């Protein structure tokens, strides 16, 4: 008889559990440093725009999505790619970590970790009891989200490497230091002379120039001339690399490079705000509203365009004037306005 009994239930670690986090940390330690673009000001600025845009959204149909919950959702989506909230009568409870079970690729149950002061707790709930927001899903794992930096790891690593290199240069390199040639003298005299240069800041320093002469006549006359030892990092194209990495990271988050440019103008900023609100935040808001409608039962809508004023006010006013004039002309001519709208492919809604 085989001495080992077959285990009936096989337990495996999930993709977002504690074991997976430990394995990922060990893999990062073995393979070396990796891009941590989240620590850069560029990424935090983009995350701040996401937080501000979603927290100002107009919410219709529920009181659970308050400003605080929307800001937490935006930050979690920007840095993690997904956010999970428990639905409670008192409000939404954010979860720091979770494990899930799926059927046909759709979550059916969750094991959630809730952070508390002095220690967290774990709860097991059904899928209908949570709001699971996610972006950047892959077809191999549609129940997991992916952050923008996760989808652009190479660029995030470049930005991190350039900023880390610059930080190390400004911290350890002898920037502003100079070497001054001195005649042959004891080390004690040279140290005393160096201290004299250091202590007299902002003053005119007068030192005697010594030309060494030997048998056969004087040596070629050479005065003291300082040599700068500051590193020349312009040849490594750090500025161009840093600007390119910043612009690419901004585009990943939906921030146009023109908004990061120091010479940007007001119209460019407005166009960048419209692009961020219309092509990035509004689709995310629509996905959030769809998840809330499915879990809460009521028809819920989120709009970021109106509160952010991400539209051309002058263009809308001109369009409204033209529409009113056209309707008046159509009424005088006896033309049905609904038919006229259908001819230009306009819906009544």
Protein backbone atom coordinates (compact mmCIF):
# COMPACT_ATOMS: atom_id res chain seq x y z
CA UNK A 1 0.00 0.00 0.00
CA UNK A 2 1.29 3.43 -0.88
CA UNK A 3 2.44 5.03 2.38
CA UNK A 4 1.33 8.53 1.50
CA UNK A 5 -2.29 9.57 1.50
CA UNK A 6 -3.49 11.72 -1.34
CA UNK A 7 -4.56 15.17 -0.27
CA UNK A 8 -8.17 15.79 -1.16
CA UNK A 9 -8.06 19.59 -1.32
CA UNK A 10 -5.06 21.21 -2.94
CA UNK A 11 -4.28 24.71 -1.68
CA UNK A 12 -2.45 27.20 -3.81
CA UNK A 13 -1.42 30.80 -3.37
CA UNK A 14 -3.38 33.34 -5.33
CA UNK A 15 -1.94 36.01 -7.56
CA UNK A 16 -2.61 38.84 -5.09
CA UNK A 17 -2.09 37.05 -1.77
CA UNK A 18 0.64 37.36 0.81
CA UNK A 19 2.72 34.55 -0.67
CA UNK A 20 2.70 36.20 -4.08
CA UNK A 21 3.90 39.46 -2.56
CA UNK A 22 6.79 37.70 -0.79
CA UNK A 23 7.79 35.89 -3.98
CA UNK A 24 7.68 39.14 -5.95
CA UNK A 25 9.81 40.91 -3.35
CA UNK A 26 12.33 38.05 -3.40
CA UNK A 27 12.45 38.11 -7.18
CA UNK A 28 13.11 41.86 -7.11
CA UNK A 29 15.93 41.34 -4.60
CA UNK A 30 17.57 38.64 -6.71
CA UNK A 31 17.23 40.37 -10.08
CA UNK A 32 18.38 43.74 -8.77
CA UNK A 33 16.81 47.18 -8.61
CA UNK A 34 13.68 47.86 -10.60
CA UNK A 35 11.85 50.98 -11.69
CA UNK A 36 9.94 52.64 -8.88
CA UNK A 37 8.50 55.55 -10.78
CA UNK A 38 5.84 56.07 -8.09
CA UNK A 39 8.42 57.97 -6.05
CA UNK A 40 8.99 60.63 -8.71
CA UNK A 41 7.30 64.01 -8.75
CA UNK A 42 6.10 63.38 -12.31
CA UNK A 43 4.01 60.36 -11.32
CA UNK A 44 2.72 61.96 -8.13
CA UNK A 45 1.60 65.01 -10.11
CA UNK A 46 -0.31 62.77 -12.52
CA UNK A 47 -1.86 60.87 -9.61
CA UNK A 48 -2.87 64.18 -8.04
CA UNK A 49 -4.67 65.21 -11.23
CA UNK A 50 -6.53 61.89 -11.23
CA UNK A 51 -7.51 62.38 -7.59
CA UNK A 52 -8.71 65.92 -8.12
CA UNK A 53 -10.63 65.08 -11.29
CA UNK A 54 -12.52 62.06 -9.94
CA UNK A 55 -13.18 63.58 -6.51
CA UNK A 56 -15.00 66.48 -8.19
CA UNK A 57 -17.24 64.22 -10.29
CA UNK A 58 -21.01 64.72 -10.17
CA UNK A 59 -22.56 61.56 -8.68
CA UNK A 60 -26.26 60.89 -9.27
CA UNK A 61 -28.16 57.95 -7.79
CA UNK A 62 -26.26 57.18 -4.58
CA UNK A 63 -24.73 58.81 -1.51
CA UNK A 64 -22.08 56.15 -0.96
CA UNK A 65 -19.62 57.59 -3.47
CA UNK A 66 -18.46 60.61 -1.48
CA UNK A 67 -15.45 62.77 -2.31
CA UNK A 68 -13.14 60.83 -0.02
CA UNK A 69 -14.05 57.48 -1.57
CA UNK A 70 -13.61 58.83 -5.09
CA UNK A 71 -10.18 60.24 -4.22
CA UNK A 72 -9.09 56.91 -2.72
CA UNK A 73 -10.40 55.14 -5.80
CA UNK A 74 -8.47 57.43 -8.14
CA UNK A 75 -5.20 57.00 -6.25
CA UNK A 76 -5.56 53.23 -6.05
CA UNK A 77 -6.41 52.99 -9.75
CA UNK A 78 -3.44 55.15 -10.70
CA UNK A 79 -0.87 53.26 -8.61
CA UNK A 80 -2.38 49.76 -8.41
CA UNK A 81 -4.84 49.53 -11.26
CA UNK A 82 -7.76 48.42 -9.09
CA UNK A 83 -9.65 49.38 -5.94
CA UNK A 84 -11.97 47.39 -3.68
CA UNK A 85 -14.60 48.69 -1.24
CA UNK A 86 -16.93 46.80 1.07
CA UNK A 87 -20.54 47.99 0.88
CA UNK A 88 -21.82 48.81 4.35
CA UNK A 89 -24.76 50.82 5.62
CA UNK A 90 -22.42 53.42 7.09
CA UNK A 91 -20.54 53.83 3.81
CA UNK A 92 -17.82 52.26 1.71
CA UNK A 93 -14.97 50.52 3.56
CA UNK A 94 -11.65 50.50 1.62
CA UNK A 95 -9.73 47.21 1.50
CA UNK A 96 -5.95 47.14 1.52
CA UNK A 97 -5.62 43.63 0.03
CA UNK A 98 -7.93 40.89 -1.18
CA UNK A 99 -8.13 37.44 -2.64
CA UNK A 100 -10.94 36.33 -4.93
CA UNK A 101 -12.62 33.30 -6.43
CA UNK A 102 -13.94 33.37 -9.99
CA UNK A 103 -16.39 31.48 -12.17
CA UNK A 104 -16.32 31.99 -15.94
CA UNK A 105 -13.77 34.75 -15.35
CA UNK A 106 -16.11 36.74 -13.10
CA UNK A 107 -15.48 37.13 -9.35
CA UNK A 108 -17.91 35.30 -7.08
CA UNK A 109 -16.37 35.71 -3.60
CA UNK A 110 -13.68 37.79 -1.93
CA UNK A 111 -11.44 37.45 1.12
CA UNK A 112 -10.73 41.06 2.05
CA UNK A 113 -8.15 42.57 4.39
CA UNK A 114 -9.30 45.75 6.12
CA UNK A 115 -6.76 48.06 7.75
CA UNK A 116 -7.45 49.13 11.31
CA UNK A 117 -5.49 51.18 13.84
CA UNK A 118 -3.53 48.64 15.87
CA UNK A 119 -4.04 45.77 13.41
CA UNK A 120 -6.34 44.76 10.57
CA UNK A 121 -8.96 42.09 10.10
CA UNK A 122 -10.07 39.76 7.32
CA UNK A 123 -13.61 39.18 6.06
CA UNK A 124 -15.01 36.76 3.48
CA UNK A 125 -17.84 38.24 1.43
CA UNK A 126 -19.72 37.58 -1.80
CA UNK A 127 -19.10 39.53 -4.97
CA UNK A 128 -22.36 41.43 -4.57
CA UNK A 129 -21.14 42.92 -1.28
CA UNK A 130 -18.13 44.73 -2.75
CA UNK A 131 -17.37 47.35 -5.36
CA UNK A 132 -14.39 46.18 -7.41
CA UNK A 133 -13.03 48.88 -9.73
CA UNK A 134 -10.24 47.98 -12.16
CA UNK A 135 -8.56 49.37 -15.26
CA UNK A 136 -6.08 47.99 -17.75
CA UNK A 137 -7.36 44.41 -17.49
CA UNK A 138 -5.69 41.68 -19.53
CA UNK A 139 -7.59 38.95 -21.34
CA UNK A 140 -5.66 36.29 -19.40
CA UNK A 141 -6.81 37.78 -16.06
CA UNK A 142 -9.80 40.08 -16.57
CA UNK A 143 -10.48 40.09 -12.83
CA UNK A 144 -7.18 41.89 -12.07
CA UNK A 145 -6.35 45.47 -12.96
CA UNK A 146 -3.04 46.89 -14.13
CA UNK A 147 -1.66 50.30 -13.23
CA UNK A 148 -0.36 52.63 -15.97
CA UNK A 149 3.23 52.22 -14.74
CA UNK A 150 2.81 48.43 -14.77
CA UNK A 151 1.95 48.68 -18.45
CA UNK A 152 4.98 50.94 -19.10
CA UNK A 153 7.66 49.41 -16.91
CA UNK A 154 10.51 50.24 -19.29
CA UNK A 155 9.75 53.97 -19.29
CA UNK A 156 9.18 54.00 -15.54
CA UNK A 157 12.55 52.32 -15.06
CA UNK A 158 14.21 54.92 -17.30
CA UNK A 159 12.71 57.81 -15.35
CA UNK A 160 13.74 56.23 -12.06
CA UNK A 161 17.28 55.51 -13.29
CA UNK A 162 17.83 59.05 -14.60
CA UNK A 163 16.51 60.76 -11.48
CA UNK A 164 18.43 58.38 -9.21
CA UNK A 165 21.65 59.04 -11.15
CA UNK A 166 21.16 62.79 -10.95
CA UNK A 167 20.44 62.60 -7.22
CA UNK A 168 23.63 60.62 -6.65
CA UNK A 169 25.66 63.06 -8.76
CA UNK A 170 24.46 66.10 -6.83
CA UNK A 171 25.00 64.29 -3.54
CA UNK A 172 28.46 62.81 -4.02
CA UNK A 173 30.13 64.58 -6.97
CA UNK A 174 32.60 67.44 -6.21
CA UNK A 175 30.37 70.12 -7.73
CA UNK A 176 31.94 73.57 -7.49
CA UNK A 177 35.29 72.23 -6.33
CA UNK A 178 38.53 73.42 -7.88
CA UNK A 179 42.17 72.41 -7.86
CA UNK A 180 44.66 75.25 -7.50
CA UNK A 181 48.31 74.50 -8.42
CA UNK A 182 50.72 75.42 -5.64
CA UNK A 183 54.52 75.44 -5.46
CA UNK A 184 56.32 72.71 -3.65
CA UNK A 185 55.89 73.23 0.07
CA UNK A 186 55.22 71.09 3.14
CA UNK A 187 51.78 69.55 3.51
CA UNK A 188 51.08 71.61 6.59
CA UNK A 189 51.58 74.85 4.65
CA UNK A 190 49.34 73.59 1.81
CA UNK A 191 46.56 72.69 4.25
CA UNK A 192 46.83 76.09 5.88
CA UNK A 193 46.62 77.80 2.50
CA UNK A 194 43.58 75.69 1.53
CA UNK A 195 41.85 76.68 4.77
CA UNK A 196 42.56 80.30 3.97
CA UNK A 197 40.77 79.98 0.63
CA UNK A 198 37.83 78.28 2.33
CA UNK A 199 37.38 80.80 5.11
CA UNK A 200 37.49 84.00 3.06
CA UNK A 201 34.25 83.75 1.14
CA UNK A 202 33.36 86.75 -0.94
CA UNK A 203 36.72 88.46 -0.43
CA UNK A 204 39.62 89.12 -2.74
CA UNK A 205 42.32 86.56 -1.98
CA UNK A 206 45.89 87.70 -2.61
CA UNK A 207 48.55 85.03 -2.75
CA UNK A 208 52.17 85.25 -3.85
CA UNK A 209 52.90 83.61 -7.18
CA UNK A 210 56.08 81.52 -7.00
CA UNK A 211 58.03 80.44 -10.06
CA UNK A 212 60.56 77.73 -9.30
CA UNK A 213 64.06 78.38 -10.67
CA UNK A 214 66.87 75.83 -10.91
CA UNK A 215 70.36 75.66 -12.36
CA UNK A 216 70.43 76.87 -15.88
CA UNK A 217 67.86 79.62 -15.50
CA UNK A 218 64.22 80.07 -14.54
CA UNK A 219 61.54 77.57 -15.50
CA UNK A 220 58.76 78.60 -17.89
CA UNK A 221 56.62 81.17 -16.13
CA UNK A 222 53.33 79.65 -15.00
CA UNK A 223 50.96 81.44 -12.70
CA UNK A 224 48.36 79.81 -10.53
CA UNK A 225 45.33 78.82 -12.58
CA UNK A 226 42.44 76.95 -10.98
CA UNK A 227 41.13 73.75 -12.61
CA UNK A 228 37.42 72.97 -12.21
CA UNK A 229 36.64 69.35 -11.34
CA UNK A 230 32.84 69.58 -11.53
CA UNK A 231 31.56 66.67 -13.65
CA UNK A 232 30.26 67.51 -17.12
CA UNK A 233 27.03 65.53 -17.35
CA UNK A 234 25.68 67.38 -20.39
CA UNK A 235 27.43 64.93 -22.73
CA UNK A 236 25.35 62.05 -21.32
CA UNK A 237 22.13 63.78 -22.52
CA UNK A 238 20.54 63.62 -19.10
CA UNK A 239 18.26 66.60 -19.79
CA UNK A 240 16.93 65.11 -23.02
CA UNK A 241 16.47 61.68 -21.44
CA UNK A 242 14.72 63.14 -18.41
CA UNK A 243 12.36 65.25 -20.53
CA UNK A 244 11.52 62.31 -22.79
CA UNK A 245 10.82 60.02 -19.81
CA UNK A 246 8.64 62.66 -18.13
CA UNK A 247 6.63 63.25 -21.30
CA UNK A 248 6.13 59.52 -21.83
CA UNK A 249 5.00 58.95 -18.25
CA UNK A 250 2.61 61.89 -18.57
CA UNK A 251 1.10 60.40 -21.73
CA UNK A 252 0.60 57.07 -19.95
CA UNK A 253 -1.58 58.87 -17.40
CA UNK A 254 -3.31 60.95 -20.07
CA UNK A 255 -1.36 64.15 -19.39
CA UNK A 256 -0.29 65.86 -22.60
CA UNK A 257 3.44 66.75 -22.72
CA UNK A 258 2.53 70.38 -23.39
CA UNK A 259 1.17 70.70 -19.84
CA UNK A 260 4.57 69.76 -18.42
CA UNK A 261 6.45 72.17 -20.68
CA UNK A 262 7.68 75.31 -18.90
CA UNK A 263 6.69 77.47 -21.87
CA UNK A 264 3.10 76.29 -22.02
CA UNK A 265 0.22 78.71 -22.49
CA UNK A 266 -3.35 78.98 -21.25
CA UNK A 267 -5.02 77.44 -24.32
CA UNK A 268 -2.64 74.48 -24.16
CA UNK A 269 -3.47 73.92 -20.50
CA UNK A 270 -7.20 73.99 -21.27
CA UNK A 271 -6.77 71.52 -24.11
CA UNK A 272 -4.75 69.27 -21.83
CA UNK A 273 -7.47 69.40 -19.20
CA UNK A 274 -10.10 68.52 -21.79
CA UNK A 275 -8.01 65.60 -23.03
CA UNK A 276 -7.50 64.28 -19.48
CA UNK A 277 -11.17 64.61 -18.58
CA UNK A 278 -12.66 63.34 -21.84
CA UNK A 279 -10.33 60.49 -22.82
CA UNK A 280 -9.08 59.26 -19.42
CA UNK A 281 -11.22 60.25 -16.44
CA UNK A 282 -14.67 60.09 -18.05
CA UNK A 283 -14.24 56.47 -19.32
CA UNK A 284 -13.03 55.50 -15.85
CA UNK A 285 -16.03 57.28 -14.32
CA UNK A 286 -18.36 55.40 -16.69
CA UNK A 287 -16.82 52.07 -15.62
CA UNK A 288 -17.22 53.04 -11.96
CA UNK A 289 -20.85 53.98 -12.55
CA UNK A 290 -21.52 50.68 -14.30
CA UNK A 291 -20.06 48.70 -11.39
CA UNK A 292 -22.06 50.73 -8.86
CA UNK A 293 -25.27 50.30 -10.86
CA UNK A 294 -24.79 46.52 -10.97
CA UNK A 295 -24.03 46.20 -7.24
CA UNK A 296 -26.28 48.89 -5.71
CA UNK A 297 -29.34 48.35 -7.90
CA UNK A 298 -30.08 51.98 -8.79
CA UNK A 299 -29.13 53.81 -11.95
CA UNK A 300 -25.93 55.68 -11.09
CA UNK A 301 -24.05 58.14 -13.27
CA UNK A 302 -20.73 59.94 -12.82
CA UNK A 303 -19.78 63.04 -14.79
CA UNK A 304 -16.39 64.75 -14.65
CA UNK A 305 -16.83 67.01 -17.67
CA UNK A 306 -19.17 69.57 -16.07
CA UNK A 307 -17.40 70.11 -12.72
CA UNK A 308 -13.97 70.29 -14.39
CA UNK A 309 -15.35 72.69 -17.03
CA UNK A 310 -13.52 70.54 -19.58
CA UNK A 311 -15.30 71.96 -22.58
CA UNK A 312 -15.13 75.01 -24.82
CA UNK A 313 -17.60 77.45 -23.27
CA UNK A 314 -17.40 79.87 -26.17
CA UNK A 315 -17.87 77.10 -28.72
CA UNK A 316 -20.91 75.79 -26.85
CA UNK A 317 -22.44 79.25 -26.72
CA UNK A 318 -21.96 79.73 -30.45
CA UNK A 319 -23.35 76.27 -31.14
CA UNK A 320 -26.41 76.99 -28.99
CA UNK A 321 -27.01 80.25 -30.84
CA UNK A 322 -26.80 78.48 -34.20
CA UNK A 323 -29.14 75.69 -33.01
CA UNK A 324 -31.78 78.15 -31.75
CA UNK A 325 -31.63 80.12 -35.01
CA UNK A 326 -31.86 76.93 -37.06
CA UNK A 327 -34.87 75.70 -35.08
CA UNK A 328 -36.61 79.04 -35.57
CA UNK A 329 -35.94 78.92 -39.30
CA UNK A 330 -37.15 75.30 -39.50
CA UNK A 331 -40.36 76.22 -37.67
CA UNK A 332 -41.03 79.07 -40.04
CA UNK A 333 -40.40 76.80 -43.04
CA UNK A 334 -42.65 74.06 -41.61
CA UNK A 335 -39.84 71.48 -41.25
CA UNK A 336 -39.97 68.94 -38.45
CA UNK A 337 -36.98 69.63 -36.11
CA UNK A 338 -36.67 65.94 -35.17
CA UNK A 339 -36.28 65.01 -38.81
CA UNK A 340 -33.64 67.70 -39.25
CA UNK A 341 -31.67 66.36 -36.27
CA UNK A 342 -31.80 62.84 -37.66
CA UNK A 343 -30.41 64.03 -40.96
CA UNK A 344 -27.26 65.28 -39.21
CA UNK A 345 -27.11 62.14 -37.01
CA UNK A 346 -28.08 63.87 -33.76
CA UNK A 347 -29.92 61.92 -31.11
CA UNK A 348 -32.72 63.56 -29.17
CA UNK A 349 -31.05 62.52 -25.89
